[in-house]
């Protein structure tokens, strides 16, 4: 057993308590954004993608499979299926996948996104180049 601070009154509370004994604030375990991502289909949008969007199912084993959407006439990346991996470290989401450029060359994308807002239906954050990322849960 460890003591933690109540976010409401700053009193010391057991990490096993359901609520603060001083003020009654509920102390249920907060969900990580990884819990929201896992086993769901999400649509991600960002200038970092070099595509209109990535719609993918994020499996609980840390893999994802989906579709990079772009206009068919795009000169860099055409629409295509991709597979990759995702990992979470504190507030960071790491995405990595391979794709094929219009010229036929293989390429790899790797992003580290700091998630700044998370809910069951939306995630948002920024990557190291300060590009905005928005994730919308589709199911």
C-alpha atoms as a PDB file:
ATOM      1  CA  UNK A   1       0.000   0.000   0.000  1.00  0.00           C
ATOM      2  CA  UNK A   2       1.206   3.493  -0.856  1.00  0.00           C
ATOM      3  CA  UNK A   3      -0.107   6.942  -0.065  1.00  0.00           C
ATOM      4  CA  UNK A   4      -1.144   9.243  -2.916  1.00  0.00           C
ATOM      5  CA  UNK A   5      -2.469  12.805  -2.967  1.00  0.00           C
ATOM      6  CA  UNK A   6      -6.153  13.446  -3.524  1.00  0.00           C
ATOM      7  CA  UNK A   7      -6.520  15.647  -6.646  1.00  0.00           C
ATOM      8  CA  UNK A   8      -9.391  17.543  -4.979  1.00  0.00           C
ATOM      9  CA  UNK A   9      -8.171  18.380  -1.451  1.00  0.00           C
ATOM     10  CA  UNK A  10      -4.480  17.302  -1.602  1.00  0.00           C
ATOM     11  CA  UNK A  11      -4.973  15.032   1.401  1.00  0.00           C
ATOM     12  CA  UNK A  12      -3.041  11.778   1.683  1.00  0.00           C
ATOM     13  CA  UNK A  13      -5.045   8.704   0.670  1.00  0.00           C
ATOM     14  CA  UNK A  14      -4.286   5.014   0.268  1.00  0.00           C
ATOM     15  CA  UNK A  15      -3.722   4.041  -3.363  1.00  0.00           C
ATOM     16  CA  UNK A  16      -6.338   1.307  -2.785  1.00  0.00           C
ATOM     17  CA  UNK A  17      -9.096   3.660  -1.581  1.00  0.00           C
ATOM     18  CA  UNK A  18     -12.197   4.082  -3.755  1.00  0.00           C
ATOM     19  CA  UNK A  19     -12.649   7.653  -2.521  1.00  0.00           C
ATOM     20  CA  UNK A  20     -10.873  10.244  -0.397  1.00  0.00           C
ATOM     21  CA  UNK A  21     -11.875   9.838   3.278  1.00  0.00           C
ATOM     22  CA  UNK A  22     -11.454  13.593   3.841  1.00  0.00           C
ATOM     23  CA  UNK A  23     -13.512  15.066   0.962  1.00  0.00           C
ATOM     24  CA  UNK A  24     -15.173  12.042  -0.686  1.00  0.00           C
ATOM     25  CA  UNK A  25     -13.567  12.592  -4.108  1.00  0.00           C
ATOM     26  CA  UNK A  26     -13.820   9.360  -6.194  1.00  0.00           C
ATOM     27  CA  UNK A  27     -10.389   7.861  -6.833  1.00  0.00           C
ATOM     28  CA  UNK A  28     -11.072   5.257  -9.540  1.00  0.00           C
ATOM     29  CA  UNK A  29      -8.211   4.309 -11.802  1.00  0.00           C
ATOM     30  CA  UNK A  30      -7.948   6.683 -14.749  1.00  0.00           C
ATOM     31  CA  UNK A  31      -7.766   5.033 -18.135  1.00  0.00           C
ATOM     32  CA  UNK A  32      -4.664   5.503 -20.228  1.00  0.00           C
ATOM     33  CA  UNK A  33      -5.175   6.659 -23.793  1.00  0.00           C
ATOM     34  CA  UNK A  34      -3.683   3.277 -24.757  1.00  0.00           C
ATOM     35  CA  UNK A  35      -6.818   1.689 -23.279  1.00  0.00           C
ATOM     36  CA  UNK A  36      -8.921   3.852 -25.597  1.00  0.00           C
ATOM     37  CA  UNK A  37      -6.840   3.032 -28.695  1.00  0.00           C
ATOM     38  CA  UNK A  38      -6.668  -0.734 -28.218  1.00  0.00           C
ATOM     39  CA  UNK A  39      -9.066  -2.908 -30.205  1.00  0.00           C
ATOM     40  CA  UNK A  40     -10.789   0.032 -31.895  1.00  0.00           C
ATOM     41  CA  UNK A  41     -10.862   1.665 -35.328  1.00  0.00           C
ATOM     42  CA  UNK A  42      -9.537   5.224 -35.384  1.00  0.00           C
ATOM     43  CA  UNK A  43      -9.093   7.871 -38.062  1.00  0.00           C
ATOM     44  CA  UNK A  44      -5.921   9.938 -37.660  1.00  0.00           C
ATOM     45  CA  UNK A  45      -5.309  13.253 -39.393  1.00  0.00           C
ATOM     46  CA  UNK A  46      -2.098  15.275 -39.420  1.00  0.00           C
ATOM     47  CA  UNK A  47       0.155  17.133 -41.834  1.00  0.00           C
ATOM     48  CA  UNK A  48       2.825  14.692 -40.659  1.00  0.00           C
ATOM     49  CA  UNK A  49       1.094  11.823 -42.457  1.00  0.00           C
ATOM     50  CA  UNK A  50       1.633  13.307 -45.949  1.00  0.00           C
ATOM     51  CA  UNK A  51      -1.795  11.796 -46.608  1.00  0.00           C
ATOM     52  CA  UNK A  52      -5.363  12.944 -45.942  1.00  0.00           C
ATOM     53  CA  UNK A  53      -5.799  10.403 -43.164  1.00  0.00           C
ATOM     54  CA  UNK A  54      -4.900   7.041 -41.720  1.00  0.00           C
ATOM     55  CA  UNK A  55      -7.859   4.859 -40.790  1.00  0.00           C
ATOM     56  CA  UNK A  56      -6.697   1.864 -38.795  1.00  0.00           C
ATOM     57  CA  UNK A  57      -7.595  -0.749 -36.229  1.00  0.00           C
ATOM     58  CA  UNK A  58      -5.183  -0.607 -33.297  1.00  0.00           C
ATOM     59  CA  UNK A  59      -4.825  -4.118 -31.865  1.00  0.00           C
ATOM     60  CA  UNK A  60      -4.041  -4.656 -28.194  1.00  0.00           C
ATOM     61  CA  UNK A  61      -0.818  -6.487 -29.165  1.00  0.00           C
ATOM     62  CA  UNK A  62       0.704  -3.180 -30.366  1.00  0.00           C
ATOM     63  CA  UNK A  63       0.089  -3.673 -34.090  1.00  0.00           C
ATOM     64  CA  UNK A  64      -2.235  -1.804 -36.403  1.00  0.00           C
ATOM     65  CA  UNK A  65      -3.591  -2.337 -39.882  1.00  0.00           C
ATOM     66  CA  UNK A  66      -5.372   0.208 -41.987  1.00  0.00           C
ATOM     67  CA  UNK A  67      -5.573   2.460 -44.998  1.00  0.00           C
ATOM     68  CA  UNK A  68      -3.691   5.615 -45.925  1.00  0.00           C
ATOM     69  CA  UNK A  69      -6.218   7.776 -47.765  1.00  0.00           C
ATOM     70  CA  UNK A  70      -5.160  10.263 -50.383  1.00  0.00           C
ATOM     71  CA  UNK A  71      -6.511  11.382 -53.756  1.00  0.00           C
ATOM     72  CA  UNK A  72      -5.574   8.774 -56.395  1.00  0.00           C
ATOM     73  CA  UNK A  73      -3.683  11.436 -58.397  1.00  0.00           C
ATOM     74  CA  UNK A  74      -1.437  12.458 -55.460  1.00  0.00           C
ATOM     75  CA  UNK A  75       2.178  12.779 -56.613  1.00  0.00           C
ATOM     76  CA  UNK A  76       3.777  11.342 -53.460  1.00  0.00           C
ATOM     77  CA  UNK A  77       1.537   8.754 -51.777  1.00  0.00           C
ATOM     78  CA  UNK A  78      -1.413   6.992 -53.333  1.00  0.00           C
ATOM     79  CA  UNK A  79      -4.125   5.287 -51.256  1.00  0.00           C
ATOM     80  CA  UNK A  80      -2.757   2.038 -49.831  1.00  0.00           C
ATOM     81  CA  UNK A  81      -3.048  -0.519 -47.070  1.00  0.00           C
ATOM     82  CA  UNK A  82      -0.443  -0.281 -44.329  1.00  0.00           C
ATOM     83  CA  UNK A  83       0.579  -2.322 -41.308  1.00  0.00           C
ATOM     84  CA  UNK A  84       2.602  -1.034 -38.448  1.00  0.00           C
ATOM     85  CA  UNK A  85       3.256  -0.932 -34.744  1.00  0.00           C
ATOM     86  CA  UNK A  86       2.191   1.396 -31.963  1.00  0.00           C
ATOM     87  CA  UNK A  87       3.531   1.835 -28.460  1.00  0.00           C
ATOM     88  CA  UNK A  88       2.705   4.082 -25.534  1.00  0.00           C
ATOM     89  CA  UNK A  89       5.216   5.551 -23.099  1.00  0.00           C
ATOM     90  CA  UNK A  90       3.659   7.911 -20.545  1.00  0.00           C
ATOM     91  CA  UNK A  91       1.988  10.631 -22.661  1.00  0.00           C
ATOM     92  CA  UNK A  92       3.774   9.605 -25.877  1.00  0.00           C
ATOM     93  CA  UNK A  93       2.294   7.573 -28.712  1.00  0.00           C
ATOM     94  CA  UNK A  94       4.824   6.048 -31.092  1.00  0.00           C
ATOM     95  CA  UNK A  95       3.607   5.019 -34.562  1.00  0.00           C
ATOM     96  CA  UNK A  96       5.700   3.257 -37.185  1.00  0.00           C
ATOM     97  CA  UNK A  97       4.710   1.782 -40.562  1.00  0.00           C
ATOM     98  CA  UNK A  98       6.000   1.146 -44.076  1.00  0.00           C
ATOM     99  CA  UNK A  99       4.427   2.449 -47.272  1.00  0.00           C
ATOM    100  CA  UNK A 100       5.215   2.764 -50.972  1.00  0.00           C
ATOM    101  CA  UNK A 101       5.776   6.105 -52.699  1.00  0.00           C
ATOM    102  CA  UNK A 102       4.363   6.942 -56.139  1.00  0.00           C
ATOM    103  CA  UNK A 103       7.821   6.403 -57.628  1.00  0.00           C
ATOM    104  CA  UNK A 104       7.611   2.830 -56.327  1.00  0.00           C
ATOM    105  CA  UNK A 105      10.160   3.215 -53.624  1.00  0.00           C
ATOM    106  CA  UNK A 106       9.590   1.789 -50.182  1.00  0.00           C
ATOM    107  CA  UNK A 107       9.516   4.267 -47.322  1.00  0.00           C
ATOM    108  CA  UNK A 108       9.045   4.172 -43.582  1.00  0.00           C
ATOM    109  CA  UNK A 109       7.120   6.594 -41.416  1.00  0.00           C
ATOM    110  CA  UNK A 110       7.834   6.955 -37.719  1.00  0.00           C
ATOM    111  CA  UNK A 111       6.118   9.444 -35.432  1.00  0.00           C
ATOM    112  CA  UNK A 112       6.348  10.311 -31.751  1.00  0.00           C
ATOM    113  CA  UNK A 113       3.187  12.132 -30.729  1.00  0.00           C
ATOM    114  CA  UNK A 114       2.667  13.737 -27.337  1.00  0.00           C
ATOM    115  CA  UNK A 115      -0.992  13.188 -26.514  1.00  0.00           C
ATOM    116  CA  UNK A 116      -2.369  16.306 -24.835  1.00  0.00           C
ATOM    117  CA  UNK A 117      -6.090  15.446 -24.727  1.00  0.00           C
ATOM    118  CA  UNK A 118      -7.706  12.020 -24.491  1.00  0.00           C
ATOM    119  CA  UNK A 119     -11.240  10.711 -24.254  1.00  0.00           C
ATOM    120  CA  UNK A 120     -13.003   7.556 -25.397  1.00  0.00           C
ATOM    121  CA  UNK A 121     -13.841   9.140 -28.754  1.00  0.00           C
ATOM    122  CA  UNK A 122     -11.058  11.648 -29.440  1.00  0.00           C
ATOM    123  CA  UNK A 123      -7.319  11.978 -28.955  1.00  0.00           C
ATOM    124  CA  UNK A 124      -5.195  14.945 -29.904  1.00  0.00           C
ATOM    125  CA  UNK A 125      -1.575  15.912 -29.582  1.00  0.00           C
ATOM    126  CA  UNK A 126       1.522  17.213 -31.330  1.00  0.00           C
ATOM    127  CA  UNK A 127       4.602  15.589 -32.790  1.00  0.00           C
ATOM    128  CA  UNK A 128       8.185  16.795 -32.347  1.00  0.00           C
ATOM    129  CA  UNK A 129       7.766  19.187 -35.305  1.00  0.00           C
ATOM    130  CA  UNK A 130       4.705  20.674 -33.555  1.00  0.00           C
ATOM    131  CA  UNK A 131       2.280  19.297 -36.151  1.00  0.00           C
ATOM    132  CA  UNK A 132      -1.206  18.763 -34.765  1.00  0.00           C
ATOM    133  CA  UNK A 133      -2.545  15.191 -34.660  1.00  0.00           C
ATOM    134  CA  UNK A 134      -6.231  14.389 -34.235  1.00  0.00           C
ATOM    135  CA  UNK A 135      -7.650  10.918 -33.746  1.00  0.00           C
ATOM    136  CA  UNK A 136     -11.366  10.195 -34.016  1.00  0.00           C
ATOM    137  CA  UNK A 137     -12.777   6.869 -32.844  1.00  0.00           C
ATOM    138  CA  UNK A 138     -14.913   5.233 -35.513  1.00  0.00           C
ATOM    139  CA  UNK A 139     -15.936   2.238 -33.355  1.00  0.00           C
END
